[in-house]
Amino acid sequence: MTLKNAALLALVGTILITAFLVWTFVFDVINVLRGVLAADVLFSSFIYAFGCFCVALFFYVFHRVQS
């Protein structure tokens, strides 16, 4: 497996996890607005989604740089 293929595989995996965490963040926002969840959950959910987005962005740039 080449480095470019490994970067692509990592990118696909982190995109899937990012989509799941953003979906969870949206549901957490809705539940906070309904009053079902405390606002503390929203902060940690945002940090997880943002962190995973940054990792996906890193793998995207890394994959583009490999030639």
N, C-alpha and C. Protein backbone atom coordinates (compact mmCIF):
# COMPACT_ATOMS: atom_id res chain seq x y z
N MET A 1 0.84 -1.17 0.00
CA MET A 1 0.00 0.00 0.00
C MET A 1 0.89 1.24 0.00
N THR A 2 0.61 2.13 -0.91
CA THR A 2 1.40 3.35 -0.99
C THR A 2 0.91 4.36 0.04
N LEU A 3 1.72 5.38 0.24
CA LEU A 3 1.37 6.42 1.20
C LEU A 3 0.13 7.18 0.76
N LYS A 4 -0.02 7.37 -0.54
CA LYS A 4 -1.19 8.08 -1.06
C LYS A 4 -2.47 7.27 -0.83
N ASN A 5 -2.40 5.96 -1.02
CA ASN A 5 -3.56 5.11 -0.77
C ASN A 5 -3.90 5.06 0.71
N ALA A 6 -2.90 5.03 1.55
CA ALA A 6 -3.14 5.04 2.99
C ALA A 6 -3.77 6.35 3.43
N ALA A 7 -3.34 7.46 2.85
CA ALA A 7 -3.93 8.76 3.17
C ALA A 7 -5.38 8.83 2.71
N LEU A 8 -5.67 8.25 1.56
CA LEU A 8 -7.04 8.22 1.06
C LEU A 8 -7.94 7.38 1.97
N LEU A 9 -7.44 6.24 2.39
CA LEU A 9 -8.21 5.38 3.29
C LEU A 9 -8.47 6.08 4.63
N ALA A 10 -7.46 6.75 5.15
CA ALA A 10 -7.64 7.49 6.40
C ALA A 10 -8.62 8.65 6.21
N LEU A 11 -8.57 9.29 5.05
CA LEU A 11 -9.49 10.39 4.75
C LEU A 11 -10.93 9.90 4.70
N VAL A 12 -11.16 8.78 4.05
CA VAL A 12 -12.52 8.24 3.96
C VAL A 12 -13.05 7.88 5.35
N GLY A 13 -12.21 7.25 6.16
CA GLY A 13 -12.63 6.90 7.51
C GLY A 13 -12.94 8.11 8.37
N THR A 14 -12.12 9.13 8.29
CA THR A 14 -12.38 10.30 9.11
C THR A 14 -13.57 11.11 8.59
N ILE A 15 -13.84 11.06 7.29
CA ILE A 15 -15.04 11.72 6.77
C ILE A 15 -16.29 11.04 7.30
N LEU A 16 -16.28 9.73 7.35
CA LEU A 16 -17.43 9.00 7.90
C LEU A 16 -17.63 9.31 9.38
N ILE A 17 -16.55 9.33 10.14
CA ILE A 17 -16.67 9.63 11.56
C ILE A 17 -17.08 11.09 11.77
N THR A 18 -16.57 12.00 10.94
CA THR A 18 -16.95 13.40 11.03
C THR A 18 -18.44 13.58 10.74
N ALA A 19 -18.95 12.90 9.73
CA ALA A 19 -20.38 12.98 9.42
C ALA A 19 -21.22 12.49 10.59
N PHE A 20 -20.80 11.40 11.20
CA PHE A 20 -21.53 10.88 12.36
C PHE A 20 -21.49 11.85 13.53
N LEU A 21 -20.33 12.45 13.81
CA LEU A 21 -20.22 13.36 14.94
C LEU A 21 -20.95 14.67 14.68
N VAL A 22 -20.98 15.14 13.45
CA VAL A 22 -21.76 16.35 13.14
C VAL A 22 -23.25 16.05 13.27
N TRP A 23 -23.67 14.88 12.84
CA TRP A 23 -25.06 14.47 13.00
C TRP A 23 -25.44 14.41 14.48
N THR A 24 -24.56 13.88 15.30
CA THR A 24 -24.80 13.83 16.74
C THR A 24 -24.84 15.23 17.33
N PHE A 25 -23.97 16.12 16.85
CA PHE A 25 -23.96 17.50 17.33
C PHE A 25 -25.28 18.20 17.00
N VAL A 26 -25.81 17.97 15.80
CA VAL A 26 -27.09 18.58 15.41
C VAL A 26 -28.21 18.09 16.33
N PHE A 27 -28.23 16.79 16.60
CA PHE A 27 -29.25 16.26 17.51
C PHE A 27 -29.07 16.79 18.93
N ASP A 28 -27.84 16.99 19.35
CA ASP A 28 -27.60 17.57 20.67
C ASP A 28 -28.09 19.01 20.74
N VAL A 29 -27.89 19.77 19.66
CA VAL A 29 -28.40 21.15 19.62
C VAL A 29 -29.92 21.16 19.71
N ILE A 30 -30.56 20.28 18.97
CA ILE A 30 -32.02 20.20 19.01
C ILE A 30 -32.50 19.82 20.40
N ASN A 31 -31.83 18.87 21.03
CA ASN A 31 -32.24 18.43 22.37
C ASN A 31 -31.97 19.49 23.43
N VAL A 32 -30.92 20.29 23.26
CA VAL A 32 -30.67 21.39 24.19
C VAL A 32 -31.76 22.44 24.03
N LEU A 33 -32.15 22.72 22.80
CA LEU A 33 -33.22 23.70 22.58
C LEU A 33 -34.56 23.23 23.13
N ARG A 34 -34.78 21.93 23.11
CA ARG A 34 -36.01 21.37 23.70
C ARG A 34 -35.96 21.31 25.22
N GLY A 35 -34.77 21.38 25.77
CA GLY A 35 -34.63 21.29 27.21
C GLY A 35 -34.41 19.88 27.72
N VAL A 36 -34.11 18.96 26.84
CA VAL A 36 -33.91 17.57 27.23
C VAL A 36 -32.49 17.35 27.77
N LEU A 37 -31.51 18.02 27.17
CA LEU A 37 -30.12 17.88 27.58
C LEU A 37 -29.61 19.18 28.19
N ALA A 38 -28.60 19.04 29.01
CA ALA A 38 -27.94 20.23 29.56
C ALA A 38 -26.98 20.81 28.52
N ALA A 39 -26.63 22.06 28.68
CA ALA A 39 -25.77 22.74 27.71
C ALA A 39 -24.34 22.20 27.76
N ASP A 40 -23.95 21.54 28.85
CA ASP A 40 -22.60 20.96 28.95
C ASP A 40 -22.35 19.94 27.85
N VAL A 41 -23.36 19.18 27.51
CA VAL A 41 -23.23 18.14 26.48
C VAL A 41 -22.94 18.78 25.13
N LEU A 42 -23.53 19.93 24.88
CA LEU A 42 -23.34 20.62 23.61
C LEU A 42 -21.89 21.03 23.41
N PHE A 43 -21.23 21.49 24.45
CA PHE A 43 -19.84 21.91 24.36
C PHE A 43 -18.93 20.74 24.00
N SER A 44 -19.07 19.63 24.69
CA SER A 44 -18.21 18.47 24.40
C SER A 44 -18.52 17.89 23.02
N SER A 45 -19.77 17.90 22.62
CA SER A 45 -20.13 17.40 21.29
C SER A 45 -19.53 18.26 20.20
N PHE A 46 -19.50 19.58 20.40
CA PHE A 46 -18.88 20.48 19.43
C PHE A 46 -17.39 20.24 19.33
N ILE A 47 -16.73 20.03 20.46
CA ILE A 47 -15.28 19.79 20.45
C ILE A 47 -14.95 18.50 19.69
N TYR A 48 -15.72 17.45 19.91
CA TYR A 48 -15.47 16.19 19.20
C TYR A 48 -15.67 16.37 17.69
N ALA A 49 -16.75 17.03 17.29
CA ALA A 49 -17.03 17.22 15.87
C ALA A 49 -15.97 18.11 15.22
N PHE A 50 -15.57 19.18 15.89
CA PHE A 50 -14.56 20.08 15.34
C PHE A 50 -13.20 19.40 15.24
N GLY A 51 -12.83 18.64 16.26
CA GLY A 51 -11.56 17.92 16.23
C GLY A 51 -11.49 16.91 15.11
N CYS A 52 -12.57 16.18 14.91
CA CYS A 52 -12.59 15.19 13.83
C CYS A 52 -12.59 15.87 12.46
N PHE A 53 -13.25 17.03 12.35
CA PHE A 53 -13.21 17.78 11.10
C PHE A 53 -11.79 18.25 10.79
N CYS A 54 -11.07 18.68 11.80
CA CYS A 54 -9.68 19.12 11.59
C CYS A 54 -8.80 17.97 11.13
N VAL A 55 -8.99 16.80 11.69
CA VAL A 55 -8.21 15.63 11.27
C VAL A 55 -8.56 15.26 9.83
N ALA A 56 -9.83 15.32 9.46
CA ALA A 56 -10.22 15.03 8.08
C ALA A 56 -9.62 16.06 7.13
N LEU A 57 -9.59 17.31 7.52
CA LEU A 57 -8.98 18.34 6.70
C LEU A 57 -7.48 18.09 6.53
N PHE A 58 -6.83 17.65 7.60
CA PHE A 58 -5.41 17.31 7.51
C PHE A 58 -5.18 16.18 6.52
N PHE A 59 -5.97 15.12 6.61
CA PHE A 59 -5.81 14.00 5.68
C PHE A 59 -6.12 14.40 4.25
N TYR A 60 -7.07 15.32 4.05
CA TYR A 60 -7.36 15.79 2.70
C TYR A 60 -6.15 16.52 2.11
N VAL A 61 -5.57 17.43 2.89
CA VAL A 61 -4.40 18.17 2.41
C VAL A 61 -3.22 17.22 2.21
N PHE A 62 -3.03 16.29 3.14
CA PHE A 62 -1.94 15.32 3.03
C PHE A 62 -2.10 14.46 1.78
N HIS A 63 -3.33 14.05 1.48
CA HIS A 63 -3.58 13.23 0.29
C HIS A 63 -3.31 14.02 -0.98
N ARG A 64 -3.67 15.30 -0.99
CA ARG A 64 -3.45 16.13 -2.17
C ARG A 64 -1.97 16.39 -2.42
N VAL A 65 -1.18 16.47 -1.35
CA VAL A 65 0.24 16.78 -1.49
C VAL A 65 1.01 15.56 -2.03
N GLN A 66 0.56 14.36 -1.69
CA GLN A 66 1.25 13.15 -2.16
C GLN A 66 1.09 13.03 -3.67
N SER A 67 2.19 12.70 -4.33
CA SER A 67 2.10 12.56 -5.78
C SER A 67 2.77 11.30 -6.27
